[in-house]
Amino acid sequence: MGNVIHTETTTAQVLELVKTNLGISTTVFDAALTNNIELARSNLSDEGLTLDESNVPDAMLVVMYSTWLWHERETGAKMPRMLEAAINNKRMHQLMADAVEWQ
């Protein structure tokens, strides 16, 4: 199982990026969107990914996943290929890094 390193600052930053992606400018949906961010972190961790949201690509993966969760809730949209690719790329980079450390 993976791990996600985040702080209140990164949560606020991720929330603002998710809201920008969704075109939301009010705080009305902040609680629901924050729940989606936590669910995204949990799901990515359950997939074995280790994320450090102080790293921009890792934070953006959480943003993309959270944004998709919002759309999926409304429309039942399948996970976009871009998001699947980003998850697979992260997984491969993590496996390669682990292999190098193991040697």
N, C-alpha and C. Protein backbone atom coordinates (compact mmCIF):
# COMPACT_ATOMS: atom_id res chain seq x y z
N MET A 1 0.84 -1.18 0.00
CA MET A 1 0.00 0.00 0.00
C MET A 1 0.88 1.23 0.00
N GLY A 2 0.48 2.24 -0.72
CA GLY A 2 1.26 3.46 -0.84
C GLY A 2 1.04 4.42 0.30
N ASN A 3 1.58 5.58 0.12
CA ASN A 3 1.49 6.62 1.14
C ASN A 3 1.32 7.96 0.42
N VAL A 4 0.59 8.86 1.03
CA VAL A 4 0.42 10.19 0.46
C VAL A 4 0.84 11.21 1.50
N ILE A 5 1.85 12.01 1.16
CA ILE A 5 2.31 13.05 2.05
C ILE A 5 1.63 14.34 1.64
N HIS A 6 0.86 14.92 2.56
CA HIS A 6 0.19 16.18 2.27
C HIS A 6 0.03 16.97 3.56
N THR A 7 -0.22 18.26 3.40
CA THR A 7 -0.44 19.16 4.52
C THR A 7 -1.69 19.97 4.25
N GLU A 8 -2.08 20.77 5.21
CA GLU A 8 -3.23 21.66 4.99
C GLU A 8 -2.97 22.59 3.81
N THR A 9 -1.71 23.01 3.66
CA THR A 9 -1.36 23.90 2.55
C THR A 9 -1.57 23.18 1.22
N THR A 10 -1.08 21.94 1.11
CA THR A 10 -1.25 21.25 -0.16
C THR A 10 -2.71 20.94 -0.42
N THR A 11 -3.48 20.66 0.63
CA THR A 11 -4.91 20.42 0.43
C THR A 11 -5.58 21.68 -0.11
N ALA A 12 -5.26 22.82 0.44
CA ALA A 12 -5.83 24.08 -0.04
C ALA A 12 -5.40 24.36 -1.48
N GLN A 13 -4.14 24.09 -1.79
CA GLN A 13 -3.65 24.30 -3.15
C GLN A 13 -4.32 23.35 -4.14
N VAL A 14 -4.43 22.08 -3.76
CA VAL A 14 -5.10 21.11 -4.62
C VAL A 14 -6.56 21.51 -4.82
N LEU A 15 -7.22 21.93 -3.75
CA LEU A 15 -8.62 22.36 -3.85
C LEU A 15 -8.77 23.50 -4.86
N GLU A 16 -7.89 24.48 -4.78
CA GLU A 16 -7.98 25.61 -5.71
C GLU A 16 -7.76 25.16 -7.16
N LEU A 17 -6.83 24.24 -7.38
CA LEU A 17 -6.59 23.74 -8.73
C LEU A 17 -7.77 22.92 -9.25
N VAL A 18 -8.37 22.11 -8.38
CA VAL A 18 -9.56 21.35 -8.77
C VAL A 18 -10.68 22.29 -9.14
N LYS A 19 -10.90 23.30 -8.31
CA LYS A 19 -11.96 24.28 -8.59
C LYS A 19 -11.72 25.00 -9.91
N THR A 20 -10.47 25.33 -10.19
CA THR A 20 -10.13 25.97 -11.46
C THR A 20 -10.45 25.04 -12.62
N ASN A 21 -10.06 23.77 -12.50
CA ASN A 21 -10.35 22.78 -13.56
C ASN A 21 -11.84 22.66 -13.81
N LEU A 22 -12.62 22.77 -12.76
CA LEU A 22 -14.07 22.59 -12.87
C LEU A 22 -14.80 23.89 -13.17
N GLY A 23 -14.10 25.02 -13.14
CA GLY A 23 -14.73 26.31 -13.39
C GLY A 23 -15.60 26.76 -12.23
N ILE A 24 -15.25 26.35 -11.02
CA ILE A 24 -16.00 26.72 -9.82
C ILE A 24 -15.26 27.85 -9.12
N SER A 25 -15.97 28.95 -8.87
CA SER A 25 -15.32 30.10 -8.24
C SER A 25 -15.87 30.43 -6.85
N THR A 26 -16.84 29.66 -6.39
CA THR A 26 -17.40 29.90 -5.06
C THR A 26 -16.91 28.82 -4.10
N THR A 27 -17.26 28.99 -2.83
CA THR A 27 -16.87 28.01 -1.81
C THR A 27 -17.98 27.00 -1.52
N VAL A 28 -19.08 27.08 -2.25
CA VAL A 28 -20.26 26.26 -1.98
C VAL A 28 -19.93 24.76 -1.99
N PHE A 29 -19.05 24.35 -2.90
CA PHE A 29 -18.75 22.92 -3.05
C PHE A 29 -17.44 22.50 -2.38
N ASP A 30 -16.83 23.39 -1.60
CA ASP A 30 -15.52 23.09 -1.02
C ASP A 30 -15.50 21.81 -0.20
N ALA A 31 -16.51 21.59 0.61
CA ALA A 31 -16.53 20.38 1.45
C ALA A 31 -16.60 19.12 0.58
N ALA A 32 -17.47 19.12 -0.42
CA ALA A 32 -17.59 17.96 -1.31
C ALA A 32 -16.31 17.75 -2.11
N LEU A 33 -15.73 18.84 -2.58
CA LEU A 33 -14.49 18.71 -3.35
C LEU A 33 -13.33 18.24 -2.47
N THR A 34 -13.28 18.71 -1.23
CA THR A 34 -12.25 18.25 -0.30
C THR A 34 -12.42 16.76 -0.02
N ASN A 35 -13.66 16.30 0.10
CA ASN A 35 -13.89 14.86 0.26
C ASN A 35 -13.38 14.09 -0.95
N ASN A 36 -13.59 14.64 -2.16
CA ASN A 36 -13.08 13.99 -3.37
C ASN A 36 -11.55 13.94 -3.37
N ILE A 37 -10.92 15.00 -2.88
CA ILE A 37 -9.46 15.02 -2.79
C ILE A 37 -8.98 13.92 -1.86
N GLU A 38 -9.62 13.79 -0.70
CA GLU A 38 -9.23 12.73 0.24
C GLU A 38 -9.49 11.34 -0.35
N LEU A 39 -10.60 11.18 -1.07
CA LEU A 39 -10.89 9.90 -1.73
C LEU A 39 -9.86 9.61 -2.81
N ALA A 40 -9.49 10.62 -3.57
CA ALA A 40 -8.46 10.44 -4.61
C ALA A 40 -7.15 9.98 -3.98
N ARG A 41 -6.75 10.64 -2.89
CA ARG A 41 -5.52 10.26 -2.19
C ARG A 41 -5.61 8.81 -1.72
N SER A 42 -6.73 8.46 -1.13
CA SER A 42 -6.92 7.11 -0.62
C SER A 42 -6.87 6.08 -1.74
N ASN A 43 -7.58 6.36 -2.83
CA ASN A 43 -7.60 5.42 -3.95
C ASN A 43 -6.22 5.25 -4.57
N LEU A 44 -5.49 6.34 -4.73
CA LEU A 44 -4.14 6.26 -5.29
C LEU A 44 -3.21 5.50 -4.35
N SER A 45 -3.36 5.72 -3.07
CA SER A 45 -2.58 4.99 -2.09
C SER A 45 -2.93 3.50 -2.11
N ASP A 46 -4.22 3.19 -2.23
CA ASP A 46 -4.65 1.79 -2.30
C ASP A 46 -4.10 1.09 -3.53
N GLU A 47 -3.80 1.86 -4.58
CA GLU A 47 -3.20 1.28 -5.78
C GLU A 47 -1.70 1.09 -5.62
N GLY A 48 -1.19 1.42 -4.44
CA GLY A 48 0.22 1.21 -4.15
C GLY A 48 1.12 2.37 -4.49
N LEU A 49 0.53 3.51 -4.86
CA LEU A 49 1.34 4.66 -5.22
C LEU A 49 1.77 5.42 -3.97
N THR A 50 3.00 5.88 -3.96
CA THR A 50 3.52 6.73 -2.91
C THR A 50 3.65 8.12 -3.50
N LEU A 51 2.90 9.05 -2.94
CA LEU A 51 2.85 10.41 -3.48
C LEU A 51 3.39 11.40 -2.46
N ASP A 52 4.11 12.39 -2.96
CA ASP A 52 4.55 13.52 -2.15
C ASP A 52 4.02 14.76 -2.85
N GLU A 53 2.97 15.34 -2.31
CA GLU A 53 2.30 16.44 -2.98
C GLU A 53 3.10 17.74 -2.98
N SER A 54 4.28 17.77 -2.33
CA SER A 54 5.15 18.92 -2.51
C SER A 54 5.84 18.82 -3.87
N ASN A 55 5.74 17.65 -4.49
CA ASN A 55 6.23 17.40 -5.84
C ASN A 55 5.08 17.72 -6.80
N VAL A 56 5.26 18.66 -7.70
CA VAL A 56 4.17 19.13 -8.56
C VAL A 56 3.50 18.01 -9.35
N PRO A 57 4.24 17.10 -10.00
CA PRO A 57 3.55 16.03 -10.73
C PRO A 57 2.64 15.16 -9.84
N ASP A 58 3.07 14.89 -8.61
CA ASP A 58 2.24 14.10 -7.70
C ASP A 58 0.99 14.88 -7.30
N ALA A 59 1.15 16.17 -7.02
CA ALA A 59 0.00 17.00 -6.67
C ALA A 59 -0.98 17.06 -7.84
N MET A 60 -0.45 17.19 -9.06
CA MET A 60 -1.33 17.27 -10.23
C MET A 60 -2.06 15.95 -10.47
N LEU A 61 -1.45 14.83 -10.10
CA LEU A 61 -2.14 13.54 -10.21
C LEU A 61 -3.35 13.52 -9.29
N VAL A 62 -3.21 14.06 -8.09
CA VAL A 62 -4.34 14.15 -7.16
C VAL A 62 -5.40 15.10 -7.71
N VAL A 63 -4.96 16.21 -8.32
CA VAL A 63 -5.90 17.16 -8.92
C VAL A 63 -6.69 16.48 -10.04
N MET A 64 -5.99 15.79 -10.94
CA MET A 64 -6.66 15.12 -12.06
C MET A 64 -7.66 14.08 -11.57
N TYR A 65 -7.24 13.28 -10.58
CA TYR A 65 -8.10 12.22 -10.06
C TYR A 65 -9.33 12.82 -9.39
N SER A 66 -9.13 13.88 -8.61
CA SER A 66 -10.23 14.54 -7.91
C SER A 66 -11.22 15.15 -8.90
N THR A 67 -10.69 15.77 -9.94
CA THR A 67 -11.53 16.36 -10.97
C THR A 67 -12.36 15.28 -11.65
N TRP A 68 -11.73 14.16 -11.97
CA TRP A 68 -12.46 13.05 -12.59
C TRP A 68 -13.55 12.52 -11.65
N LEU A 69 -13.26 12.41 -10.37
CA LEU A 69 -14.28 11.94 -9.42
C LEU A 69 -15.51 12.84 -9.46
N TRP A 70 -15.29 14.14 -9.58
CA TRP A 70 -16.42 15.08 -9.65
C TRP A 70 -17.24 14.84 -10.91
N HIS A 71 -16.56 14.69 -12.03
CA HIS A 71 -17.27 14.44 -13.30
C HIS A 71 -17.95 13.07 -13.28
N GLU A 72 -17.27 12.08 -12.74
CA GLU A 72 -17.83 10.72 -12.69
C GLU A 72 -19.10 10.70 -11.86
N ARG A 73 -19.11 11.47 -10.78
CA ARG A 73 -20.30 11.54 -9.91
C ARG A 73 -21.49 12.08 -10.69
N GLU A 74 -21.24 13.08 -11.52
CA GLU A 74 -22.31 13.73 -12.28
C GLU A 74 -22.75 12.92 -13.50
N THR A 75 -21.80 12.31 -14.18
CA THR A 75 -22.10 11.72 -15.49
C THR A 75 -21.82 10.23 -15.60
N GLY A 76 -21.13 9.66 -14.63
CA GLY A 76 -20.71 8.27 -14.75
C GLY A 76 -19.57 8.09 -15.74
N ALA A 77 -18.84 9.18 -16.03
CA ALA A 77 -17.77 9.17 -17.02
C ALA A 77 -16.68 8.17 -16.65
N LYS A 78 -16.24 7.42 -17.64
CA LYS A 78 -15.13 6.49 -17.47
C LYS A 78 -13.85 7.29 -17.22
N MET A 79 -12.90 6.68 -16.52
CA MET A 79 -11.63 7.35 -16.25
C MET A 79 -10.96 7.70 -17.58
N PRO A 80 -10.56 8.97 -17.74
CA PRO A 80 -9.91 9.38 -18.99
C PRO A 80 -8.57 8.66 -19.18
N ARG A 81 -8.23 8.41 -20.43
CA ARG A 81 -6.96 7.74 -20.75
C ARG A 81 -5.78 8.52 -20.21
N MET A 82 -5.87 9.86 -20.24
CA MET A 82 -4.79 10.69 -19.72
C MET A 82 -4.53 10.39 -18.25
N LEU A 83 -5.59 10.22 -17.47
CA LEU A 83 -5.45 9.92 -16.05
C LEU A 83 -4.93 8.50 -15.85
N GLU A 84 -5.45 7.55 -16.61
CA GLU A 84 -4.94 6.17 -16.54
C GLU A 84 -3.45 6.14 -16.86
N ALA A 85 -3.04 6.87 -17.89
CA ALA A 85 -1.63 6.92 -18.29
C ALA A 85 -0.78 7.54 -17.18
N ALA A 86 -1.27 8.61 -16.57
CA ALA A 86 -0.52 9.27 -15.49
C ALA A 86 -0.33 8.33 -14.31
N ILE A 87 -1.37 7.57 -13.97
CA ILE A 87 -1.28 6.61 -12.87
C ILE A 87 -0.28 5.51 -13.22
N ASN A 88 -0.37 4.99 -14.44
CA ASN A 88 0.55 3.94 -14.86
C ASN A 88 1.99 4.44 -14.91
N ASN A 89 2.18 5.68 -15.40
CA ASN A 89 3.53 6.25 -15.43
C ASN A 89 4.11 6.39 -14.03
N LYS A 90 3.29 6.87 -13.10
CA LYS A 90 3.74 7.00 -11.71
C LYS A 90 4.11 5.64 -11.14
N ARG A 91 3.27 4.65 -11.41
CA ARG A 91 3.53 3.29 -10.92
C ARG A 91 4.85 2.77 -11.49
N MET A 92 5.09 2.96 -12.79
CA MET A 92 6.32 2.48 -13.41
C MET A 92 7.55 3.21 -12.87
N HIS A 93 7.47 4.52 -12.72
CA HIS A 93 8.59 5.27 -12.16
C HIS A 93 8.90 4.81 -10.74
N GLN A 94 7.85 4.54 -9.99
CA GLN A 94 8.03 4.08 -8.61
C GLN A 94 8.68 2.70 -8.59
N LEU A 95 8.22 1.80 -9.46
CA LEU A 95 8.81 0.46 -9.53
C LEU A 95 10.27 0.52 -9.95
N MET A 96 10.57 1.38 -10.92
CA MET A 96 11.96 1.52 -11.37
C MET A 96 12.83 2.09 -10.26
N ALA A 97 12.34 3.07 -9.53
CA ALA A 97 13.11 3.65 -8.43
C ALA A 97 13.34 2.62 -7.34
N ASP A 98 12.31 1.83 -7.06
CA ASP A 98 12.45 0.78 -6.04
C ASP A 98 13.48 -0.26 -6.49
N ALA A 99 13.49 -0.60 -7.77
CA ALA A 99 14.44 -1.59 -8.29
C ALA A 99 15.87 -1.08 -8.19
N VAL A 100 16.07 0.20 -8.46
CA VAL A 100 17.41 0.79 -8.36
C VAL A 100 17.87 0.78 -6.92
N GLU A 101 16.98 1.12 -5.99
CA GLU A 101 17.34 1.10 -4.56
C GLU A 101 17.65 -0.32 -4.10
N TRP A 102 16.97 -1.29 -4.63
CA TRP A 102 17.12 -2.67 -4.19
C TRP A 102 18.48 -3.23 -4.59
N GLN A 103 19.01 -2.73 -5.71
CA GLN A 103 20.30 -3.23 -6.18
C GLN A 103 21.35 -2.77 -5.30
